[in-house]
Amino acid sequence: MKIFVAGATGAIGRPLIAQLLAKEHDVVALTRSPERAKVLAEQGVEPAIADVFDGEAVKAAVICAQPEVVIEQLTSLPKTYTGESMSAAAVLNTRIRKEGGANVLAASQAAGVRRYLRQSIAFWGVPDTGLADEETPLAFDASPAVAADVRTVIEIERRLLETPNLEGIILRYGFFYGSGTWFAPDGDVAQQVRQQQFPIVGNGEGMWSWLHIEDAAIATVAAAERGNPGIYLITGDRPLKVREWLSAFARWLNAPPPPQISVEDALQTGGADAVYYGTQMRGASNAKAKRELNFQPRPLEWMVDTAVGRAS
């Protein structure tokens, strides 16, 4: 198939391009940088140069490419994973997802694209017992930044799923780990853990659903090839409480054990969002993706490796 990718040079874009090429798809990738266009061309990808905020340029690029499928992976996230850096990046990230995504979607409609995939977020189901699935409502009443992002997510998901004459697929990914992510051994969170700056909050009951960045790419290609319109949760098999995964992550890094702080202290130092992620977040189920996409995620590497005493 001919597939147009918006967001091809980010953390997921790079393995996604590799997977698409390995499956012998004809890939066109959107970039605004002539330098990145050159790198894409050297990989065997046809670059399309346009600024995602320039609706007419994006429209011309997609119409020229005439793809069957568009995959939208537009985000703008900071290299550091802190409350301050995430807050600073929030305005541009929201604009890219809303305005940039709207331009790519409108261009796809104009070009007669058959199928459109876009990334979303798996770990914001309403806190409750059990794992969230595709029917679970999202947490509108969560902490302030999470609630704001939930509203954005719902808006852009609804925009796609209600677009006529287009097979819309929402891929709600878990927390990325692997090369190029915050949770890689050389990533920002790993550095924070080594410096004991990433604490367990309260009882550490918040459930995190993980996803290797390469598994995200594999699942995305499967959804592009044979997914049904609608929503898929793309996560690993084993959501874990913060106190479990963070302690194991520290051991895997040969770092000191993570400190534990009270909810009250976390509210003072990290705010309500830190408390939400640390104590309230709900795990997600990948049953639909496994059933319909034959999704087979790998085990979380530091849980496997710490079990056999790996030193890194």
C-alpha atoms as a PDB file:
ATOM      1  CA  MET A   1       0.000   0.000   0.000  1.00  0.00           C
ATOM      2  CA  LYS A   2       0.974   3.606  -0.363  1.00  0.00           C
ATOM      3  CA  ILE A   3       1.081   5.132   3.116  1.00  0.00           C
ATOM      4  CA  PHE A   4       1.548   8.777   4.081  1.00  0.00           C
ATOM      5  CA  VAL A   5       3.102   9.378   7.528  1.00  0.00           C
ATOM      6  CA  ALA A   6       2.838  12.687   9.393  1.00  0.00           C
ATOM      7  CA  GLY A   7       5.260  12.694  12.308  1.00  0.00           C
ATOM      8  CA  ALA A   8       7.807  10.344  10.775  1.00  0.00           C
ATOM      9  CA  THR A   9      10.912  11.581  12.587  1.00  0.00           C
ATOM     10  CA  GLY A  10       9.763  11.310  16.213  1.00  0.00           C
ATOM     11  CA  ALA A  11      10.338   8.512  18.721  1.00  0.00           C
ATOM     12  CA  ILE A  12       7.661   6.269  17.199  1.00  0.00           C
ATOM     13  CA  GLY A  13       8.027   7.615  13.662  1.00  0.00           C
ATOM     14  CA  ARG A  14      11.509   6.161  13.193  1.00  0.00           C
ATOM     15  CA  PRO A  15      10.648   2.511  14.028  1.00  0.00           C
ATOM     16  CA  LEU A  16       7.321   2.921  12.230  1.00  0.00           C
ATOM     17  CA  ILE A  17       9.072   3.902   9.006  1.00  0.00           C
ATOM     18  CA  ALA A  18      11.403   0.905   9.391  1.00  0.00           C
ATOM     19  CA  GLN A  19       8.464  -1.470   9.872  1.00  0.00           C
ATOM     20  CA  LEU A  20       6.535  -0.066   6.912  1.00  0.00           C
ATOM     21  CA  LEU A  21       9.553  -0.420   4.639  1.00  0.00           C
ATOM     22  CA  ALA A  22      10.193  -3.951   5.913  1.00  0.00           C
ATOM     23  CA  LYS A  23       6.620  -4.825   4.904  1.00  0.00           C
ATOM     24  CA  GLU A  24       7.364  -3.334   1.459  1.00  0.00           C
ATOM     25  CA  HIS A  25       4.863  -0.521   1.698  1.00  0.00           C
ATOM     26  CA  ASP A  26       5.385   2.587  -0.425  1.00  0.00           C
ATOM     27  CA  VAL A  27       5.998   5.328   2.149  1.00  0.00           C
ATOM     28  CA  VAL A  28       5.695   9.104   1.854  1.00  0.00           C
ATOM     29  CA  ALA A  29       6.687  11.088   4.953  1.00  0.00           C
ATOM     30  CA  LEU A  30       5.829  14.675   5.817  1.00  0.00           C
ATOM     31  CA  THR A  31       8.593  16.925   7.119  1.00  0.00           C
ATOM     32  CA  ARG A  32       9.226  20.647   7.127  1.00  0.00           C
ATOM     33  CA  SER A  33      13.017  20.223   7.216  1.00  0.00           C
ATOM     34  CA  PRO A  34      15.078  19.818   4.012  1.00  0.00           C
ATOM     35  CA  GLU A  35      17.774  18.139   6.128  1.00  0.00           C
ATOM     36  CA  ARG A  36      15.345  15.541   7.450  1.00  0.00           C
ATOM     37  CA  ALA A  37      13.927  15.127   3.959  1.00  0.00           C
ATOM     38  CA  LYS A  38      17.385  14.104   2.791  1.00  0.00           C
ATOM     39  CA  VAL A  39      17.675  11.513   5.569  1.00  0.00           C
ATOM     40  CA  LEU A  40      14.240  10.120   4.731  1.00  0.00           C
ATOM     41  CA  ALA A  41      15.148   9.837   1.059  1.00  0.00           C
ATOM     42  CA  GLU A  42      18.305   7.919   1.970  1.00  0.00           C
ATOM     43  CA  GLN A  43      16.104   5.437   3.856  1.00  0.00           C
ATOM     44  CA  GLY A  44      13.971   4.817   0.783  1.00  0.00           C
ATOM     45  CA  VAL A  45      11.127   7.112   1.830  1.00  0.00           C
ATOM     46  CA  GLU A  46       9.629   9.768  -0.424  1.00  0.00           C
ATOM     47  CA  PRO A  47       9.761  13.046   1.523  1.00  0.00           C
ATOM     48  CA  ALA A  48       6.970  15.606   1.330  1.00  0.00           C
ATOM     49  CA  ILE A  49       8.141  19.000   2.567  1.00  0.00           C
ATOM     50  CA  ALA A  50       5.487  21.171   4.216  1.00  0.00           C
ATOM     51  CA  ASP A  51       4.789  22.892   7.522  1.00  0.00           C
ATOM     52  CA  VAL A  52       1.969  21.055   9.284  1.00  0.00           C
ATOM     53  CA  PHE A  53       0.415  24.429  10.213  1.00  0.00           C
ATOM     54  CA  ASP A  54       0.184  25.415   6.531  1.00  0.00           C
ATOM     55  CA  GLY A  55      -3.088  23.798   5.541  1.00  0.00           C
ATOM     56  CA  GLU A  56      -2.773  24.456   1.818  1.00  0.00           C
ATOM     57  CA  ALA A  57       0.771  23.081   1.676  1.00  0.00           C
ATOM     58  CA  VAL A  58      -0.248  19.946   3.561  1.00  0.00           C
ATOM     59  CA  LYS A  59      -3.243  19.509   1.284  1.00  0.00           C
ATOM     60  CA  ALA A  60      -1.058  19.788  -1.798  1.00  0.00           C
ATOM     61  CA  ALA A  61       1.421  17.262  -0.372  1.00  0.00           C
ATOM     62  CA  VAL A  62      -1.219  14.642   0.399  1.00  0.00           C
ATOM     63  CA  ILE A  63      -3.038  15.104  -2.908  1.00  0.00           C
ATOM     64  CA  CYS A  64       0.267  14.773  -4.738  1.00  0.00           C
ATOM     65  CA  ALA A  65       1.116  11.580  -2.845  1.00  0.00           C
ATOM     66  CA  GLN A  66      -2.317   9.970  -3.386  1.00  0.00           C
ATOM     67  CA  PRO A  67      -1.967   7.514  -0.488  1.00  0.00           C
ATOM     68  CA  GLU A  68      -4.457   4.822   0.455  1.00  0.00           C
ATOM     69  CA  VAL A  69      -3.659   5.241   4.153  1.00  0.00           C
ATOM     70  CA  VAL A  70      -2.526   8.165   6.310  1.00  0.00           C
ATOM     71  CA  ILE A  71      -0.856   7.617   9.687  1.00  0.00           C
ATOM     72  CA  GLU A  72      -0.751  10.681  11.934  1.00  0.00           C
ATOM     73  CA  GLN A  73       1.858  10.649  14.725  1.00  0.00           C
ATOM     74  CA  LEU A  74       2.042  14.391  15.385  1.00  0.00           C
ATOM     75  CA  THR A  75       3.331  15.443  18.808  1.00  0.00           C
ATOM     76  CA  SER A  76       5.857  17.855  20.281  1.00  0.00           C
ATOM     77  CA  LEU A  77       7.213  16.470  23.538  1.00  0.00           C
ATOM     78  CA  PRO A  78      10.273  17.668  25.479  1.00  0.00           C
ATOM     79  CA  LYS A  79      13.441  15.639  25.984  1.00  0.00           C
ATOM     80  CA  THR A  80      12.976  15.866  29.752  1.00  0.00           C
ATOM     81  CA  TYR A  81      10.056  14.345  31.649  1.00  0.00           C
ATOM     82  CA  THR A  82       9.316  16.846  34.424  1.00  0.00           C
ATOM     83  CA  GLY A  83       6.256  18.815  35.384  1.00  0.00           C
ATOM     84  CA  GLU A  84       7.947  22.023  34.300  1.00  0.00           C
ATOM     85  CA  SER A  85       9.067  20.787  30.888  1.00  0.00           C
ATOM     86  CA  MET A  86       5.736  19.122  30.149  1.00  0.00           C
ATOM     87  CA  SER A  87       3.856  22.284  31.077  1.00  0.00           C
ATOM     88  CA  ALA A  88       6.159  24.372  28.883  1.00  0.00           C
ATOM     89  CA  ALA A  89       5.589  22.048  25.924  1.00  0.00           C
ATOM     90  CA  ALA A  90       1.839  21.710  26.425  1.00  0.00           C
ATOM     91  CA  VAL A  91       0.709  24.680  24.335  1.00  0.00           C
ATOM     92  CA  LEU A  92       2.696  23.706  21.231  1.00  0.00           C
ATOM     93  CA  ASN A  93       1.875  20.014  21.654  1.00  0.00           C
ATOM     94  CA  THR A  94      -1.838  20.769  21.864  1.00  0.00           C
ATOM     95  CA  ARG A  95      -1.639  23.066  18.851  1.00  0.00           C
ATOM     96  CA  ILE A  96       0.159  20.429  16.783  1.00  0.00           C
ATOM     97  CA  ARG A  97      -2.393  17.772  17.687  1.00  0.00           C
ATOM     98  CA  LYS A  98      -5.404  20.012  17.139  1.00  0.00           C
ATOM     99  CA  GLU A  99      -4.452  22.401  14.323  1.00  0.00           C
ATOM    100  CA  GLY A 100      -1.766  20.336  12.615  1.00  0.00           C
ATOM    101  CA  GLY A 101      -3.855  17.188  12.881  1.00  0.00           C
ATOM    102  CA  ALA A 102      -6.901  18.989  11.489  1.00  0.00           C
ATOM    103  CA  ASN A 103      -4.862  20.071   8.466  1.00  0.00           C
ATOM    104  CA  VAL A 104      -3.665  16.526   7.782  1.00  0.00           C
ATOM    105  CA  LEU A 105      -7.185  15.151   8.202  1.00  0.00           C
ATOM    106  CA  ALA A 106      -8.707  17.752   5.867  1.00  0.00           C
ATOM    107  CA  ALA A 107      -5.983  17.066   3.311  1.00  0.00           C
ATOM    108  CA  SER A 108      -6.720  13.346   3.532  1.00  0.00           C
ATOM    109  CA  GLN A 109     -10.396  13.950   2.864  1.00  0.00           C
ATOM    110  CA  ALA A 110      -9.548  16.108  -0.133  1.00  0.00           C
ATOM    111  CA  ALA A 111      -7.232  13.407  -1.487  1.00  0.00           C
ATOM    112  CA  GLY A 112      -9.807  10.623  -1.113  1.00  0.00           C
ATOM    113  CA  VAL A 113      -7.774   8.660   1.444  1.00  0.00           C
ATOM    114  CA  ARG A 114      -9.425   5.383   2.430  1.00  0.00           C
ATOM    115  CA  ARG A 115      -8.054   4.856   5.943  1.00  0.00           C
ATOM    116  CA  TYR A 116      -6.661   7.217   8.585  1.00  0.00           C
ATOM    117  CA  LEU A 117      -4.821   6.255  11.788  1.00  0.00           C
ATOM    118  CA  ARG A 118      -3.835   8.588  14.585  1.00  0.00           C
ATOM    119  CA  GLN A 119      -2.117   8.138  17.910  1.00  0.00           C
ATOM    120  CA  SER A 120      -3.802   8.665  21.253  1.00  0.00           C
ATOM    121  CA  ILE A 121      -3.285   7.730  24.913  1.00  0.00           C
ATOM    122  CA  ALA A 122      -4.228   4.491  26.687  1.00  0.00           C
ATOM    123  CA  PHE A 123      -3.680   5.303  30.348  1.00  0.00           C
ATOM    124  CA  TRP A 124      -6.396   7.810  31.188  1.00  0.00           C
ATOM    125  CA  GLY A 125      -9.407   5.597  31.831  1.00  0.00           C
ATOM    126  CA  VAL A 126     -11.582   6.614  34.777  1.00  0.00           C
ATOM    127  CA  PRO A 127      -9.856   5.230  37.903  1.00  0.00           C
ATOM    128  CA  ASP A 128     -11.622   2.057  39.035  1.00  0.00           C
ATOM    129  CA  THR A 129     -10.939  -1.597  39.713  1.00  0.00           C
ATOM    130  CA  GLY A 130      -9.941  -3.815  36.811  1.00  0.00           C
ATOM    131  CA  LEU A 131      -8.354  -2.851  33.517  1.00  0.00           C
ATOM    132  CA  ALA A 132      -9.776  -0.181  31.239  1.00  0.00           C
ATOM    133  CA  ASP A 133     -10.859  -1.217  27.744  1.00  0.00           C
ATOM    134  CA  GLU A 134     -11.942   0.640  24.624  1.00  0.00           C
ATOM    135  CA  GLU A 135     -15.391   1.346  26.117  1.00  0.00           C
ATOM    136  CA  THR A 136     -14.102   2.804  29.405  1.00  0.00           C
ATOM    137  CA  PRO A 137     -14.799   6.539  29.786  1.00  0.00           C
ATOM    138  CA  LEU A 138     -11.776   8.784  30.075  1.00  0.00           C
ATOM    139  CA  ALA A 139     -10.932  10.660  33.260  1.00  0.00           C
ATOM    140  CA  PHE A 140     -12.470  14.119  32.758  1.00  0.00           C
ATOM    141  CA  ASP A 141     -12.253  14.687  36.522  1.00  0.00           C
ATOM    142  CA  ALA A 142      -8.558  13.814  36.869  1.00  0.00           C
ATOM    143  CA  SER A 143      -5.839  16.245  37.935  1.00  0.00           C
ATOM    144  CA  PRO A 144      -5.700  19.547  36.010  1.00  0.00           C
ATOM    145  CA  ALA A 145      -3.152  18.781  33.280  1.00  0.00           C
ATOM    146  CA  VAL A 146      -4.496  15.265  32.764  1.00  0.00           C
ATOM    147  CA  ALA A 147      -8.073  16.527  32.550  1.00  0.00           C
ATOM    148  CA  ALA A 148      -7.025  19.155  29.989  1.00  0.00           C
ATOM    149  CA  ASP A 149      -5.272  16.506  27.890  1.00  0.00           C
ATOM    150  CA  VAL A 150      -8.296  14.205  28.174  1.00  0.00           C
ATOM    151  CA  ARG A 151     -10.483  16.946  26.699  1.00  0.00           C
ATOM    152  CA  THR A 152      -8.017  17.367  23.833  1.00  0.00           C
ATOM    153  CA  VAL A 153      -7.868  13.615  23.247  1.00  0.00           C
ATOM    154  CA  ILE A 154     -11.642  13.284  23.145  1.00  0.00           C
ATOM    155  CA  GLU A 155     -11.909  16.195  20.713  1.00  0.00           C
ATOM    156  CA  ILE A 156      -9.380  14.844  18.232  1.00  0.00           C
ATOM    157  CA  GLU A 157     -10.617  11.264  18.518  1.00  0.00           C
ATOM    158  CA  ARG A 158     -14.205  12.324  17.891  1.00  0.00           C
ATOM    159  CA  ARG A 159     -13.126  14.512  14.978  1.00  0.00           C
ATOM    160  CA  LEU A 160     -11.606  11.523  13.234  1.00  0.00           C
ATOM    161  CA  LEU A 161     -14.242   8.923  14.089  1.00  0.00           C
ATOM    162  CA  GLU A 162     -17.048  11.228  12.918  1.00  0.00           C
ATOM    163  CA  THR A 163     -15.386  12.074   9.601  1.00  0.00           C
ATOM    164  CA  PRO A 164     -17.513  10.635   6.781  1.00  0.00           C
ATOM    165  CA  ASN A 165     -16.157   8.413   4.007  1.00  0.00           C
ATOM    166  CA  LEU A 166     -13.011   7.591   5.979  1.00  0.00           C
ATOM    167  CA  GLU A 167     -12.047   4.518   8.000  1.00  0.00           C
ATOM    168  CA  GLY A 168     -10.815   6.156  11.194  1.00  0.00           C
ATOM    169  CA  ILE A 169      -8.647   4.168  13.612  1.00  0.00           C
ATOM    170  CA  ILE A 170      -7.527   5.491  17.005  1.00  0.00           C
ATOM    171  CA  LEU A 171      -4.441   3.857  18.526  1.00  0.00           C
ATOM    172  CA  ARG A 172      -4.266   4.556  22.255  1.00  0.00           C
ATOM    173  CA  TYR A 173      -0.673   3.748  23.194  1.00  0.00           C
ATOM    174  CA  GLY A 174       0.724   2.918  26.623  1.00  0.00           C
ATOM    175  CA  PHE A 175       3.856   4.476  28.121  1.00  0.00           C
ATOM    176  CA  PHE A 176       6.663   4.167  25.593  1.00  0.00           C
ATOM    177  CA  TYR A 177       9.962   2.606  26.556  1.00  0.00           C
ATOM    178  CA  GLY A 178      12.922   1.569  24.420  1.00  0.00           C
ATOM    179  CA  SER A 179      15.382   3.492  22.285  1.00  0.00           C
ATOM    180  CA  GLY A 180      14.754   7.226  22.052  1.00  0.00           C
ATOM    181  CA  THR A 181      12.241   7.352  24.931  1.00  0.00           C
ATOM    182  CA  TRP A 182      12.369   8.863  28.416  1.00  0.00           C
ATOM    183  CA  PHE A 183      12.609   5.342  29.842  1.00  0.00           C
ATOM    184  CA  ALA A 184      15.605   4.144  27.827  1.00  0.00           C
ATOM    185  CA  PRO A 185      18.792   3.572  29.896  1.00  0.00           C
ATOM    186  CA  ASP A 186      20.108   6.879  28.542  1.00  0.00           C
ATOM    187  CA  GLY A 187      16.723   8.625  28.780  1.00  0.00           C
ATOM    188  CA  ASP A 188      15.706  11.423  31.101  1.00  0.00           C
ATOM    189  CA  VAL A 189      13.695   9.329  33.567  1.00  0.00           C
ATOM    190  CA  ALA A 190      16.596   6.889  33.921  1.00  0.00           C
ATOM    191  CA  GLN A 191      18.809   9.843  34.854  1.00  0.00           C
ATOM    192  CA  GLN A 192      16.245  11.035  37.374  1.00  0.00           C
ATOM    193  CA  VAL A 193      16.055   7.552  38.918  1.00  0.00           C
ATOM    194  CA  ARG A 194      19.845   7.380  39.241  1.00  0.00           C
ATOM    195  CA  GLN A 195      19.731  10.710  41.071  1.00  0.00           C
ATOM    196  CA  GLN A 196      16.772   9.609  43.254  1.00  0.00           C
ATOM    197  CA  GLN A 197      14.615  12.343  41.787  1.00  0.00           C
ATOM    198  CA  PHE A 198      11.719  10.094  40.685  1.00  0.00           C
ATOM    199  CA  PRO A 199       9.927   9.011  43.872  1.00  0.00           C
ATOM    200  CA  ILE A 200       7.205   6.533  44.727  1.00  0.00           C
ATOM    201  CA  VAL A 201       4.240   8.659  45.778  1.00  0.00           C
ATOM    202  CA  GLY A 202       2.166   7.455  48.701  1.00  0.00           C
ATOM    203  CA  ASN A 203       1.419   3.759  48.382  1.00  0.00           C
ATOM    204  CA  GLY A 204       2.563   3.659  44.746  1.00  0.00           C
ATOM    205  CA  GLU A 205      -0.747   2.153  43.630  1.00  0.00           C
ATOM    206  CA  GLY A 206      -0.975   3.972  40.286  1.00  0.00           C
ATOM    207  CA  MET A 207      -1.088   1.394  37.468  1.00  0.00           C
ATOM    208  CA  TRP A 208       1.121   2.056  34.418  1.00  0.00           C
ATOM    209  CA  SER A 209       0.582   0.255  31.110  1.00  0.00           C
ATOM    210  CA  TRP A 210       3.817  -0.089  29.144  1.00  0.00           C
ATOM    211  CA  LEU A 211       4.610  -0.411  25.442  1.00  0.00           C
ATOM    212  CA  HIS A 212       7.939  -0.929  23.721  1.00  0.00           C
ATOM    213  CA  ILE A 213       8.387   1.657  20.993  1.00  0.00           C
ATOM    214  CA  GLU A 214       9.028  -1.047  18.386  1.00  0.00           C
ATOM    215  CA  ASP A 215       5.878  -2.926  19.441  1.00  0.00           C
ATOM    216  CA  ALA A 216       3.970   0.325  18.967  1.00  0.00           C
ATOM    217  CA  ALA A 217       5.278   0.466  15.397  1.00  0.00           C
ATOM    218  CA  ILE A 218       4.418  -3.180  14.735  1.00  0.00           C
ATOM    219  CA  ALA A 219       0.863  -2.732  16.022  1.00  0.00           C
ATOM    220  CA  THR A 220       0.425   0.433  13.970  1.00  0.00           C
ATOM    221  CA  VAL A 221       1.393  -1.351  10.759  1.00  0.00           C
ATOM    222  CA  ALA A 222      -0.995  -4.195  11.596  1.00  0.00           C
ATOM    223  CA  ALA A 223      -3.808  -1.711  12.163  1.00  0.00           C
ATOM    224  CA  ALA A 224      -3.014   0.041   8.877  1.00  0.00           C
ATOM    225  CA  GLU A 225      -3.162  -3.265   7.035  1.00  0.00           C
ATOM    226  CA  ARG A 226      -6.185  -4.946   8.635  1.00  0.00           C
ATOM    227  CA  GLY A 227      -7.572  -3.000  11.600  1.00  0.00           C
ATOM    228  CA  ASN A 228     -11.262  -2.219  11.914  1.00  0.00           C
ATOM    229  CA  PRO A 229     -12.460   1.371  12.295  1.00  0.00           C
ATOM    230  CA  GLY A 230     -12.652   2.444  15.929  1.00  0.00           C
ATOM    231  CA  ILE A 231     -10.376   2.456  18.957  1.00  0.00           C
ATOM    232  CA  TYR A 232      -7.584   0.081  19.978  1.00  0.00           C
ATOM    233  CA  LEU A 233      -5.657   0.070  23.248  1.00  0.00           C
ATOM    234  CA  ILE A 234      -2.064  -0.796  22.366  1.00  0.00           C
ATOM    235  CA  THR A 235      -0.209  -1.768  25.538  1.00  0.00           C
ATOM    236  CA  GLY A 236       1.864  -4.543  27.030  1.00  0.00           C
ATOM    237  CA  ASP A 237       0.351  -7.563  28.741  1.00  0.00           C
ATOM    238  CA  ARG A 238       1.141  -6.580  32.323  1.00  0.00           C
ATOM    239  CA  PRO A 239       0.175  -3.207  33.806  1.00  0.00           C
ATOM    240  CA  LEU A 240       2.229  -2.576  36.931  1.00  0.00           C
ATOM    241  CA  LYS A 241       1.906  -0.494  40.063  1.00  0.00           C
ATOM    242  CA  VAL A 242       4.441   2.314  40.352  1.00  0.00           C
ATOM    243  CA  ARG A 243       6.057   0.755  43.398  1.00  0.00           C
ATOM    244  CA  GLU A 244       6.668  -2.429  41.358  1.00  0.00           C
ATOM    245  CA  TRP A 245       7.958  -1.088  38.062  1.00  0.00           C
ATOM    246  CA  LEU A 246       9.933   1.816  39.527  1.00  0.00           C
ATOM    247  CA  SER A 247      11.765  -0.334  42.074  1.00  0.00           C
ATOM    248  CA  ALA A 248      12.628  -2.872  39.366  1.00  0.00           C
ATOM    249  CA  PHE A 249      13.679  -0.091  36.987  1.00  0.00           C
ATOM    250  CA  ALA A 250      16.099   1.255  39.584  1.00  0.00           C
ATOM    251  CA  ARG A 251      17.618  -2.195  40.116  1.00  0.00           C
ATOM    252  CA  TRP A 252      17.955  -2.667  36.357  1.00  0.00           C
ATOM    253  CA  LEU A 253      19.855   0.603  36.140  1.00  0.00           C
ATOM    254  CA  ASN A 254      22.054  -0.280  39.147  1.00  0.00           C
ATOM    255  CA  ALA A 255      20.596   2.843  40.736  1.00  0.00           C
ATOM    256  CA  PRO A 256      19.734   3.422  44.406  1.00  0.00           C
ATOM    257  CA  PRO A 257      16.209   2.425  45.462  1.00  0.00           C
ATOM    258  CA  PRO A 258      13.686   5.160  44.666  1.00  0.00           C
ATOM    259  CA  PRO A 259      12.661   7.346  47.599  1.00  0.00           C
ATOM    260  CA  GLN A 260       9.079   7.240  48.848  1.00  0.00           C
ATOM    261  CA  ILE A 261       7.221  10.453  49.649  1.00  0.00           C
ATOM    262  CA  SER A 262       3.788  11.184  51.054  1.00  0.00           C
ATOM    263  CA  VAL A 263       0.878  12.379  48.964  1.00  0.00           C
ATOM    264  CA  GLU A 264       1.045  15.682  50.853  1.00  0.00           C
ATOM    265  CA  ASP A 265       4.703  16.158  49.947  1.00  0.00           C
ATOM    266  CA  ALA A 266       4.014  15.205  46.325  1.00  0.00           C
ATOM    267  CA  LEU A 267       1.275  17.833  46.138  1.00  0.00           C
ATOM    268  CA  GLN A 268       3.785  20.424  47.312  1.00  0.00           C
ATOM    269  CA  THR A 269       6.639  19.395  45.004  1.00  0.00           C
ATOM    270  CA  GLY A 270       4.962  17.922  41.926  1.00  0.00           C
ATOM    271  CA  GLY A 271       1.340  18.988  42.167  1.00  0.00           C
ATOM    272  CA  ALA A 272      -1.888  17.076  41.685  1.00  0.00           C
ATOM    273  CA  ASP A 273      -0.711  15.507  38.424  1.00  0.00           C
ATOM    274  CA  ALA A 274       2.202  13.775  40.167  1.00  0.00           C
ATOM    275  CA  VAL A 275      -0.270  12.339  42.682  1.00  0.00           C
ATOM    276  CA  TYR A 276      -2.579  11.163  39.906  1.00  0.00           C
ATOM    277  CA  TYR A 277       0.182   9.348  38.031  1.00  0.00           C
ATOM    278  CA  GLY A 278       1.619   7.920  41.226  1.00  0.00           C
ATOM    279  CA  THR A 279      -1.508   6.738  43.012  1.00  0.00           C
ATOM    280  CA  GLN A 280      -4.665   6.835  40.875  1.00  0.00           C
ATOM    281  CA  MET A 281      -3.933   5.839  37.291  1.00  0.00           C
ATOM    282  CA  ARG A 282      -5.723   2.772  35.929  1.00  0.00           C
ATOM    283  CA  GLY A 283      -4.177  -0.013  33.861  1.00  0.00           C
ATOM    284  CA  ALA A 284      -5.356  -0.827  30.340  1.00  0.00           C
ATOM    285  CA  SER A 285      -6.286  -4.065  28.596  1.00  0.00           C
ATOM    286  CA  ASN A 286      -4.838  -5.020  25.187  1.00  0.00           C
ATOM    287  CA  ALA A 287      -7.310  -7.862  24.621  1.00  0.00           C
ATOM    288  CA  LYS A 288      -8.909  -6.296  21.527  1.00  0.00           C
ATOM    289  CA  ALA A 289      -5.553  -5.604  19.862  1.00  0.00           C
ATOM    290  CA  LYS A 290      -4.393  -9.156  20.562  1.00  0.00           C
ATOM    291  CA  ARG A 291      -7.627 -10.567  19.192  1.00  0.00           C
ATOM    292  CA  GLU A 292      -8.003  -8.429  16.055  1.00  0.00           C
ATOM    293  CA  LEU A 293      -4.416  -7.443  15.211  1.00  0.00           C
ATOM    294  CA  ASN A 294      -2.590 -10.537  16.504  1.00  0.00           C
ATOM    295  CA  PHE A 295      -0.656  -8.150  18.726  1.00  0.00           C
ATOM    296  CA  GLN A 296       2.082  -9.883  20.721  1.00  0.00           C
ATOM    297  CA  PRO A 297       3.918  -7.365  22.903  1.00  0.00           C
ATOM    298  CA  ARG A 298       7.236  -8.263  24.484  1.00  0.00           C
ATOM    299  CA  PRO A 299       7.615  -8.424  28.285  1.00  0.00           C
ATOM    300  CA  LEU A 300       8.780  -5.249  29.995  1.00  0.00           C
ATOM    301  CA  GLU A 301      12.544  -5.616  29.768  1.00  0.00           C
ATOM    302  CA  TRP A 302      13.551  -4.481  33.226  1.00  0.00           C
ATOM    303  CA  MET A 303      11.003  -6.796  34.888  1.00  0.00           C
ATOM    304  CA  VAL A 304      12.454  -9.744  32.960  1.00  0.00           C
ATOM    305  CA  ASP A 305      16.077  -8.785  33.462  1.00  0.00           C
ATOM    306  CA  THR A 306      15.842  -7.973  37.158  1.00  0.00           C
ATOM    307  CA  ALA A 307      14.278 -11.368  37.739  1.00  0.00           C
ATOM    308  CA  VAL A 308      17.519 -13.022  36.600  1.00  0.00           C
ATOM    309  CA  GLY A 309      19.780 -10.491  38.273  1.00  0.00           C
ATOM    310  CA  ARG A 310      20.911  -8.591  35.186  1.00  0.00           C
ATOM    311  CA  ALA A 311      23.340  -5.754  35.818  1.00  0.00           C
ATOM    312  CA  SER A 312      23.321  -2.826  33.418  1.00  0.00           C
END
